[in-house]
Amino acid sequence: MNSTKLRHVAIIMDGNGRWAQARGLPRLEGHRGGARAVRRIITHCRESRLQFLTLYAFSMENWSRPRHEVEGLMRLLVRFLTERGRELAENGIQLRTIGDIGRLPLRARNLIDRVIASTRELDGMRLSLALSYGGRDEIVRAARRLVNRAIGGELDAGAVDEDLLADELDTLDTPPVDLVIRSGGERRLSNFLLWQSAYAELYFTDRPWPDFGPEDFDRAVDWFHARNRTYGMIEAVG
């Protein structure tokens, strides 16, 4: 079995801080450079007719960063939604979010709701922003919902299986991840889409996110298409 169809790409956008440090700039300047890279990659993915793109924008662990950095990241999020929300709609891009969105500032939540509402019926690329997100937290929240359903008599606890749990995840109607790209040189998933990436191909590049461009994305896609995806099975011989 060799399936190299690419539908869903997820990106861990790492290296903003190190990029800024190497240039003697404040960390927030690295995040601003990262925001510019986000715009480049969204445009490129849409033009490449990718169906699903998920970006790791803000992790649960990021809340423990210095207050001024967190506030700066929230301002960048608000700016992105304000400046690019209409552009997403004009280009047929449907916005979704995953994560514990309730922890975000009210203004950011309101903007998210507004952009999601304005793009809900569009049928172009689906862009999912992982905000206040952790893969373990997502699975725990899903498990709690199943427990509550069982307590309420809505389902039999013995009937819980992978499909039922998957239906409670933030990514309910999104296909599994085919390719995870991580920029910035690290080689780990960092608690990102742990369930959804079970059979994903993992591509790591030393390129820091602010310098990441369409050519880097295409290089990862070419690498993906050269892979032999067996999903744990073996191909028949002879």
C-alpha atoms as a PDB file:
ATOM      1  CA  MET A   1       0.000   0.000   0.000  1.00  0.00           C
ATOM      2  CA  ASN A   2       1.517   3.334  -1.024  1.00  0.00           C
ATOM      3  CA  SER A   3      -0.734   6.337  -0.528  1.00  0.00           C
ATOM      4  CA  THR A   4       0.905   9.712  -1.021  1.00  0.00           C
ATOM      5  CA  LYS A   5      -2.229  11.798  -1.451  1.00  0.00           C
ATOM      6  CA  LEU A   6      -1.709  15.007   0.489  1.00  0.00           C
ATOM      7  CA  ARG A   7      -4.824  16.558   1.991  1.00  0.00           C
ATOM      8  CA  HIS A   8      -3.856  17.841   5.436  1.00  0.00           C
ATOM      9  CA  VAL A   9      -0.616  19.590   6.391  1.00  0.00           C
ATOM     10  CA  ALA A  10       0.083  20.709   9.952  1.00  0.00           C
ATOM     11  CA  ILE A  11       2.934  23.078  10.750  1.00  0.00           C
ATOM     12  CA  ILE A  12       4.801  23.660  14.005  1.00  0.00           C
ATOM     13  CA  MET A  13       6.010  27.210  13.433  1.00  0.00           C
ATOM     14  CA  ASP A  14       9.183  27.206  15.518  1.00  0.00           C
ATOM     15  CA  GLY A  15      12.281  29.373  15.614  1.00  0.00           C
ATOM     16  CA  ASN A  16      10.891  32.911  15.930  1.00  0.00           C
ATOM     17  CA  GLY A  17      12.732  33.691  19.158  1.00  0.00           C
ATOM     18  CA  ARG A  18      16.062  32.257  18.030  1.00  0.00           C
ATOM     19  CA  TRP A  19      15.744  34.092  14.716  1.00  0.00           C
ATOM     20  CA  ALA A  20      15.340  37.381  16.583  1.00  0.00           C
ATOM     21  CA  GLN A  21      18.126  36.608  19.049  1.00  0.00           C
ATOM     22  CA  ALA A  22      20.568  35.862  16.229  1.00  0.00           C
ATOM     23  CA  ARG A  23      19.871  39.359  14.893  1.00  0.00           C
ATOM     24  CA  GLY A  24      20.045  41.137  18.222  1.00  0.00           C
ATOM     25  CA  LEU A  25      16.311  41.874  18.124  1.00  0.00           C
ATOM     26  CA  PRO A  26      13.579  41.498  20.760  1.00  0.00           C
ATOM     27  CA  ARG A  27      11.728  38.173  20.648  1.00  0.00           C
ATOM     28  CA  LEU A  28       8.546  39.943  19.586  1.00  0.00           C
ATOM     29  CA  GLU A  29      10.268  40.994  16.360  1.00  0.00           C
ATOM     30  CA  GLY A  30      10.762  37.312  15.648  1.00  0.00           C
ATOM     31  CA  HIS A  31       7.054  36.729  16.148  1.00  0.00           C
ATOM     32  CA  ARG A  32       6.287  39.605  13.778  1.00  0.00           C
ATOM     33  CA  GLY A  33       8.530  37.961  11.207  1.00  0.00           C
ATOM     34  CA  GLY A  34       6.675  34.726  11.864  1.00  0.00           C
ATOM     35  CA  ALA A  35       3.346  36.445  11.206  1.00  0.00           C
ATOM     36  CA  ARG A  36       4.622  37.530   7.797  1.00  0.00           C
ATOM     37  CA  ALA A  37       5.601  33.920   7.085  1.00  0.00           C
ATOM     38  CA  VAL A  38       2.085  32.806   8.038  1.00  0.00           C
ATOM     39  CA  ARG A  39       0.608  35.066   5.382  1.00  0.00           C
ATOM     40  CA  ARG A  40       3.053  33.764   2.757  1.00  0.00           C
ATOM     41  CA  ILE A  41       2.315  30.126   3.514  1.00  0.00           C
ATOM     42  CA  ILE A  42      -1.464  30.525   3.678  1.00  0.00           C
ATOM     43  CA  THR A  43      -1.411  32.160   0.252  1.00  0.00           C
ATOM     44  CA  HIS A  44       0.877  29.495  -1.176  1.00  0.00           C
ATOM     45  CA  CYS A  45      -1.168  26.616   0.227  1.00  0.00           C
ATOM     46  CA  ARG A  46      -4.374  28.077  -1.165  1.00  0.00           C
ATOM     47  CA  GLU A  47      -2.779  28.539  -4.580  1.00  0.00           C
ATOM     48  CA  SER A  48      -1.475  24.956  -4.387  1.00  0.00           C
ATOM     49  CA  ARG A  49      -5.054  23.764  -3.723  1.00  0.00           C
ATOM     50  CA  LEU A  50      -4.262  22.184  -0.381  1.00  0.00           C
ATOM     51  CA  GLN A  51      -7.505  21.238   1.359  1.00  0.00           C
ATOM     52  CA  PHE A  52      -6.564  21.457   5.051  1.00  0.00           C
ATOM     53  CA  LEU A  53      -3.849  23.503   6.771  1.00  0.00           C
ATOM     54  CA  THR A  54      -3.389  23.556  10.545  1.00  0.00           C
ATOM     55  CA  LEU A  55      -0.964  25.997  12.172  1.00  0.00           C
ATOM     56  CA  TYR A  56       0.344  25.660  15.732  1.00  0.00           C
ATOM     57  CA  ALA A  57      -0.075  29.309  16.655  1.00  0.00           C
ATOM     58  CA  PHE A  58      -0.103  29.291  20.480  1.00  0.00           C
ATOM     59  CA  SER A  59       0.370  26.295  22.763  1.00  0.00           C
ATOM     60  CA  MET A  60      -0.936  25.720  26.284  1.00  0.00           C
ATOM     61  CA  GLU A  61       2.673  25.938  27.446  1.00  0.00           C
ATOM     62  CA  ASN A  62       3.048  29.377  25.864  1.00  0.00           C
ATOM     63  CA  TRP A  63       0.899  30.843  28.642  1.00  0.00           C
ATOM     64  CA  SER A  64       3.894  30.429  30.966  1.00  0.00           C
ATOM     65  CA  ARG A  65       6.065  32.785  28.899  1.00  0.00           C
ATOM     66  CA  PRO A  66       6.772  36.314  30.182  1.00  0.00           C
ATOM     67  CA  ARG A  67       3.632  38.430  30.350  1.00  0.00           C
ATOM     68  CA  HIS A  68       4.850  41.023  27.853  1.00  0.00           C
ATOM     69  CA  GLU A  69       5.571  38.293  25.286  1.00  0.00           C
ATOM     70  CA  VAL A  70       2.148  36.682  25.737  1.00  0.00           C
ATOM     71  CA  GLU A  71       0.455  40.068  25.407  1.00  0.00           C
ATOM     72  CA  GLY A  72       2.496  40.767  22.285  1.00  0.00           C
ATOM     73  CA  LEU A  73       1.438  37.458  20.762  1.00  0.00           C
ATOM     74  CA  MET A  74      -2.208  38.213  21.512  1.00  0.00           C
ATOM     75  CA  ARG A  75      -1.846  41.599  19.810  1.00  0.00           C
ATOM     76  CA  LEU A  76      -0.396  39.881  16.750  1.00  0.00           C
ATOM     77  CA  LEU A  77      -3.343  37.473  16.721  1.00  0.00           C
ATOM     78  CA  VAL A  78      -5.830  40.344  16.898  1.00  0.00           C
ATOM     79  CA  ARG A  79      -3.975  42.166  14.139  1.00  0.00           C
ATOM     80  CA  PHE A  80      -3.996  39.080  11.913  1.00  0.00           C
ATOM     81  CA  LEU A  81      -7.727  38.553  12.398  1.00  0.00           C
ATOM     82  CA  THR A  82      -8.474  42.243  11.856  1.00  0.00           C
ATOM     83  CA  GLU A  83      -6.328  42.668   8.754  1.00  0.00           C
ATOM     84  CA  ARG A  84      -6.725  39.247   7.165  1.00  0.00           C
ATOM     85  CA  GLY A  85     -10.221  38.119   8.130  1.00  0.00           C
ATOM     86  CA  ARG A  86     -11.863  39.674   5.087  1.00  0.00           C
ATOM     87  CA  GLU A  87      -9.026  38.451   2.875  1.00  0.00           C
ATOM     88  CA  LEU A  88      -9.637  34.886   4.031  1.00  0.00           C
ATOM     89  CA  ALA A  89     -13.296  35.182   3.065  1.00  0.00           C
ATOM     90  CA  GLU A  90     -12.498  36.748  -0.298  1.00  0.00           C
ATOM     91  CA  ASN A  91     -10.201  33.824  -1.092  1.00  0.00           C
ATOM     92  CA  GLY A  92     -12.716  31.179  -0.052  1.00  0.00           C
ATOM     93  CA  ILE A  93     -10.724  30.114   3.010  1.00  0.00           C
ATOM     94  CA  GLN A  94     -12.709  28.703   5.902  1.00  0.00           C
ATOM     95  CA  LEU A  95     -11.311  29.508   9.357  1.00  0.00           C
ATOM     96  CA  ARG A  96     -11.505  27.116  12.286  1.00  0.00           C
ATOM     97  CA  THR A  97      -9.794  27.048  15.666  1.00  0.00           C
ATOM     98  CA  ILE A  98      -8.764  24.207  17.936  1.00  0.00           C
ATOM     99  CA  GLY A  99      -7.763  24.444  21.577  1.00  0.00           C
ATOM    100  CA  ASP A 100      -9.055  25.972  24.800  1.00  0.00           C
ATOM    101  CA  ILE A 101     -10.207  29.197  23.158  1.00  0.00           C
ATOM    102  CA  GLY A 102     -11.938  30.365  26.338  1.00  0.00           C
ATOM    103  CA  ARG A 103      -8.569  31.376  27.771  1.00  0.00           C
ATOM    104  CA  LEU A 104      -7.941  33.943  25.041  1.00  0.00           C
ATOM    105  CA  PRO A 105      -8.660  37.657  25.588  1.00  0.00           C
ATOM    106  CA  LEU A 106     -12.253  38.679  24.883  1.00  0.00           C
ATOM    107  CA  ARG A 107     -11.343  40.824  21.882  1.00  0.00           C
ATOM    108  CA  ALA A 108      -9.509  37.928  20.252  1.00  0.00           C
ATOM    109  CA  ARG A 109     -12.418  35.561  20.930  1.00  0.00           C
ATOM    110  CA  ASN A 110     -14.911  38.002  19.440  1.00  0.00           C
ATOM    111  CA  LEU A 111     -12.813  38.435  16.305  1.00  0.00           C
ATOM    112  CA  ILE A 112     -12.400  34.679  15.974  1.00  0.00           C
ATOM    113  CA  ASP A 113     -16.165  34.205  16.209  1.00  0.00           C
ATOM    114  CA  ARG A 114     -16.729  36.908  13.611  1.00  0.00           C
ATOM    115  CA  VAL A 115     -14.270  35.490  11.070  1.00  0.00           C
ATOM    116  CA  ILE A 116     -15.465  31.918  11.605  1.00  0.00           C
ATOM    117  CA  ALA A 117     -19.061  33.034  11.029  1.00  0.00           C
ATOM    118  CA  SER A 118     -18.144  34.916   7.860  1.00  0.00           C
ATOM    119  CA  THR A 119     -16.247  31.960   6.375  1.00  0.00           C
ATOM    120  CA  ARG A 120     -18.325  29.024   7.641  1.00  0.00           C
ATOM    121  CA  GLU A 121     -20.086  28.309   4.342  1.00  0.00           C
ATOM    122  CA  LEU A 122     -17.015  28.665   2.130  1.00  0.00           C
ATOM    123  CA  ASP A 123     -15.675  25.594   0.374  1.00  0.00           C
ATOM    124  CA  GLY A 124     -12.032  26.494  -0.211  1.00  0.00           C
ATOM    125  CA  MET A 125      -9.073  25.535   1.931  1.00  0.00           C
ATOM    126  CA  ARG A 126      -9.810  25.053   5.619  1.00  0.00           C
ATOM    127  CA  LEU A 127      -7.347  26.911   7.836  1.00  0.00           C
ATOM    128  CA  SER A 128      -7.272  25.763  11.452  1.00  0.00           C
ATOM    129  CA  LEU A 129      -5.408  27.816  14.043  1.00  0.00           C
ATOM    130  CA  ALA A 130      -4.301  25.894  17.127  1.00  0.00           C
ATOM    131  CA  LEU A 131      -4.676  28.444  19.931  1.00  0.00           C
ATOM    132  CA  SER A 132      -4.178  27.718  23.626  1.00  0.00           C
ATOM    133  CA  TYR A 133      -3.774  24.187  22.347  1.00  0.00           C
ATOM    134  CA  GLY A 134      -2.215  21.021  23.734  1.00  0.00           C
ATOM    135  CA  GLY A 135      -2.674  17.550  22.319  1.00  0.00           C
ATOM    136  CA  ARG A 136      -2.939  15.902  25.728  1.00  0.00           C
ATOM    137  CA  ASP A 137      -5.396  18.546  26.913  1.00  0.00           C
ATOM    138  CA  GLU A 138      -7.531  17.976  23.820  1.00  0.00           C
ATOM    139  CA  ILE A 139      -7.694  14.224  24.479  1.00  0.00           C
ATOM    140  CA  VAL A 140      -8.511  14.770  28.164  1.00  0.00           C
ATOM    141  CA  ARG A 141     -11.316  17.199  27.279  1.00  0.00           C
ATOM    142  CA  ALA A 142     -12.699  14.679  24.791  1.00  0.00           C
ATOM    143  CA  ALA A 143     -12.544  11.887  27.375  1.00  0.00           C
ATOM    144  CA  ARG A 144     -14.374  14.030  29.922  1.00  0.00           C
ATOM    145  CA  ARG A 145     -17.172  14.668  27.450  1.00  0.00           C
ATOM    146  CA  LEU A 146     -17.518  10.932  26.876  1.00  0.00           C
ATOM    147  CA  VAL A 147     -17.591  10.303  30.631  1.00  0.00           C
ATOM    148  CA  ASN A 148     -20.339  12.898  31.046  1.00  0.00           C
ATOM    149  CA  ARG A 149     -22.331  11.324  28.225  1.00  0.00           C
ATOM    150  CA  ALA A 150     -21.986   7.916  29.872  1.00  0.00           C
ATOM    151  CA  ILE A 151     -23.024   9.285  33.267  1.00  0.00           C
ATOM    152  CA  GLY A 152     -26.051  10.896  31.645  1.00  0.00           C
ATOM    153  CA  GLY A 153     -27.051   7.610  30.074  1.00  0.00           C
ATOM    154  CA  GLU A 154     -26.469   8.875  26.544  1.00  0.00           C
ATOM    155  CA  LEU A 155     -24.017   6.101  25.739  1.00  0.00           C
ATOM    156  CA  ASP A 156     -22.732   2.810  27.116  1.00  0.00           C
ATOM    157  CA  ALA A 157     -19.212   3.200  28.496  1.00  0.00           C
ATOM    158  CA  GLY A 158     -18.380  -0.215  27.110  1.00  0.00           C
ATOM    159  CA  ALA A 159     -19.127   1.029  23.612  1.00  0.00           C
ATOM    160  CA  VAL A 160     -16.432   3.713  23.675  1.00  0.00           C
ATOM    161  CA  ASP A 161     -13.956   3.162  20.858  1.00  0.00           C
ATOM    162  CA  GLU A 162     -11.526   5.178  18.754  1.00  0.00           C
ATOM    163  CA  ASP A 163     -14.271   6.535  16.525  1.00  0.00           C
ATOM    164  CA  LEU A 164     -16.339   7.837  19.439  1.00  0.00           C
ATOM    165  CA  LEU A 165     -13.320   9.513  20.993  1.00  0.00           C
ATOM    166  CA  ALA A 166     -12.293  11.034  17.668  1.00  0.00           C
ATOM    167  CA  ASP A 167     -15.781  12.518  17.335  1.00  0.00           C
ATOM    168  CA  GLU A 168     -15.208  14.461  20.569  1.00  0.00           C
ATOM    169  CA  LEU A 169     -11.886  15.969  19.503  1.00  0.00           C
ATOM    170  CA  ASP A 170     -11.533  19.587  18.377  1.00  0.00           C
ATOM    171  CA  THR A 171     -10.794  18.323  14.858  1.00  0.00           C
ATOM    172  CA  LEU A 172     -14.102  16.449  14.547  1.00  0.00           C
ATOM    173  CA  ASP A 173     -14.684  16.917  10.805  1.00  0.00           C
ATOM    174  CA  THR A 174     -11.057  17.286   9.708  1.00  0.00           C
ATOM    175  CA  PRO A 175      -9.147  14.338   8.198  1.00  0.00           C
ATOM    176  CA  PRO A 176      -6.040  12.933   9.897  1.00  0.00           C
ATOM    177  CA  VAL A 177      -2.791  14.791   9.341  1.00  0.00           C
ATOM    178  CA  ASP A 178      -0.742  13.552   6.387  1.00  0.00           C
ATOM    179  CA  LEU A 179       2.344  15.705   6.865  1.00  0.00           C
ATOM    180  CA  VAL A 180       3.714  17.536   9.894  1.00  0.00           C
ATOM    181  CA  ILE A 181       6.320  20.189   9.126  1.00  0.00           C
ATOM    182  CA  ARG A 182       8.419  21.642  11.927  1.00  0.00           C
ATOM    183  CA  SER A 183      10.687  24.609  11.312  1.00  0.00           C
ATOM    184  CA  GLY A 184      13.466  25.883  13.551  1.00  0.00           C
ATOM    185  CA  GLY A 185      15.665  22.811  13.949  1.00  0.00           C
ATOM    186  CA  GLU A 186      13.975  20.923  16.791  1.00  0.00           C
ATOM    187  CA  ARG A 187      12.925  17.294  16.291  1.00  0.00           C
ATOM    188  CA  ARG A 188       9.764  16.709  18.306  1.00  0.00           C
ATOM    189  CA  LEU A 189       5.980  17.155  18.151  1.00  0.00           C
ATOM    190  CA  SER A 190       5.723  19.332  21.268  1.00  0.00           C
ATOM    191  CA  ASN A 191       2.251  18.089  22.215  1.00  0.00           C
ATOM    192  CA  PHE A 192       0.765  18.979  18.810  1.00  0.00           C
ATOM    193  CA  LEU A 193      -2.061  16.933  17.265  1.00  0.00           C
ATOM    194  CA  LEU A 194      -0.908  13.743  18.987  1.00  0.00           C
ATOM    195  CA  TRP A 195      -4.007  11.747  18.028  1.00  0.00           C
ATOM    196  CA  GLN A 196      -4.395  13.146  14.531  1.00  0.00           C
ATOM    197  CA  SER A 197      -0.716  12.638  13.601  1.00  0.00           C
ATOM    198  CA  ALA A 198      -0.593   8.922  14.421  1.00  0.00           C
ATOM    199  CA  TYR A 199       0.375   8.022  10.839  1.00  0.00           C
ATOM    200  CA  ALA A 200       1.639  11.384   9.635  1.00  0.00           C
ATOM    201  CA  GLU A 201       5.000  11.828   7.975  1.00  0.00           C
ATOM    202  CA  LEU A 202       7.236  14.116  10.042  1.00  0.00           C
ATOM    203  CA  TYR A 203       9.430  16.626   8.221  1.00  0.00           C
ATOM    204  CA  PHE A 204      11.960  18.712  10.124  1.00  0.00           C
ATOM    205  CA  THR A 205      13.915  21.657   8.784  1.00  0.00           C
ATOM    206  CA  ASP A 206      16.506  23.923  10.373  1.00  0.00           C
ATOM    207  CA  ARG A 207      14.968  26.930   8.638  1.00  0.00           C
ATOM    208  CA  PRO A 208      13.549  29.292  11.302  1.00  0.00           C
ATOM    209  CA  TRP A 209       9.906  30.112  10.761  1.00  0.00           C
ATOM    210  CA  PRO A 210      10.368  33.811   9.855  1.00  0.00           C
ATOM    211  CA  ASP A 211      12.549  32.700   6.902  1.00  0.00           C
ATOM    212  CA  PHE A 212      10.244  29.858   5.864  1.00  0.00           C
ATOM    213  CA  GLY A 213       8.812  30.372   2.409  1.00  0.00           C
ATOM    214  CA  PRO A 214       6.939  28.637  -0.415  1.00  0.00           C
ATOM    215  CA  GLU A 215      10.103  26.930  -1.647  1.00  0.00           C
ATOM    216  CA  ASP A 216      10.610  25.370   1.796  1.00  0.00           C
ATOM    217  CA  PHE A 217       7.016  24.186   1.847  1.00  0.00           C
ATOM    218  CA  ASP A 218       7.349  22.675  -1.620  1.00  0.00           C
ATOM    219  CA  ARG A 219      10.544  20.900  -0.569  1.00  0.00           C
ATOM    220  CA  ALA A 220       8.652  19.260   2.292  1.00  0.00           C
ATOM    221  CA  VAL A 221       5.819  18.267  -0.044  1.00  0.00           C
ATOM    222  CA  ASP A 222       8.264  16.718  -2.532  1.00  0.00           C
ATOM    223  CA  TRP A 223       9.823  14.757   0.337  1.00  0.00           C
ATOM    224  CA  PHE A 224       6.355  13.593   1.389  1.00  0.00           C
ATOM    225  CA  HIS A 225       5.469  12.352  -2.087  1.00  0.00           C
ATOM    226  CA  ALA A 226       8.684  10.311  -2.174  1.00  0.00           C
ATOM    227  CA  ARG A 227       7.678   8.459   0.988  1.00  0.00           C
ATOM    228  CA  ASN A 228       6.192   4.967   0.978  1.00  0.00           C
ATOM    229  CA  ARG A 229       3.277   5.191   3.402  1.00  0.00           C
ATOM    230  CA  THR A 230       2.392   1.688   4.588  1.00  0.00           C
ATOM    231  CA  TYR A 231       0.415   2.532   7.760  1.00  0.00           C
ATOM    232  CA  GLY A 232       2.095  -0.359   9.580  1.00  0.00           C
ATOM    233  CA  MET A 233       1.334  -2.895   6.839  1.00  0.00           C
ATOM    234  CA  ILE A 234       3.685  -4.503   4.335  1.00  0.00           C
ATOM    235  CA  GLU A 235       3.292  -4.658   0.607  1.00  0.00           C
ATOM    236  CA  ALA A 236       2.778  -7.969  -1.113  1.00  0.00           C
ATOM    237  CA  VAL A 237       5.871  -9.274  -2.884  1.00  0.00           C
ATOM    238  CA  GLY A 238       5.673 -11.268  -6.086  1.00  0.00           C
END
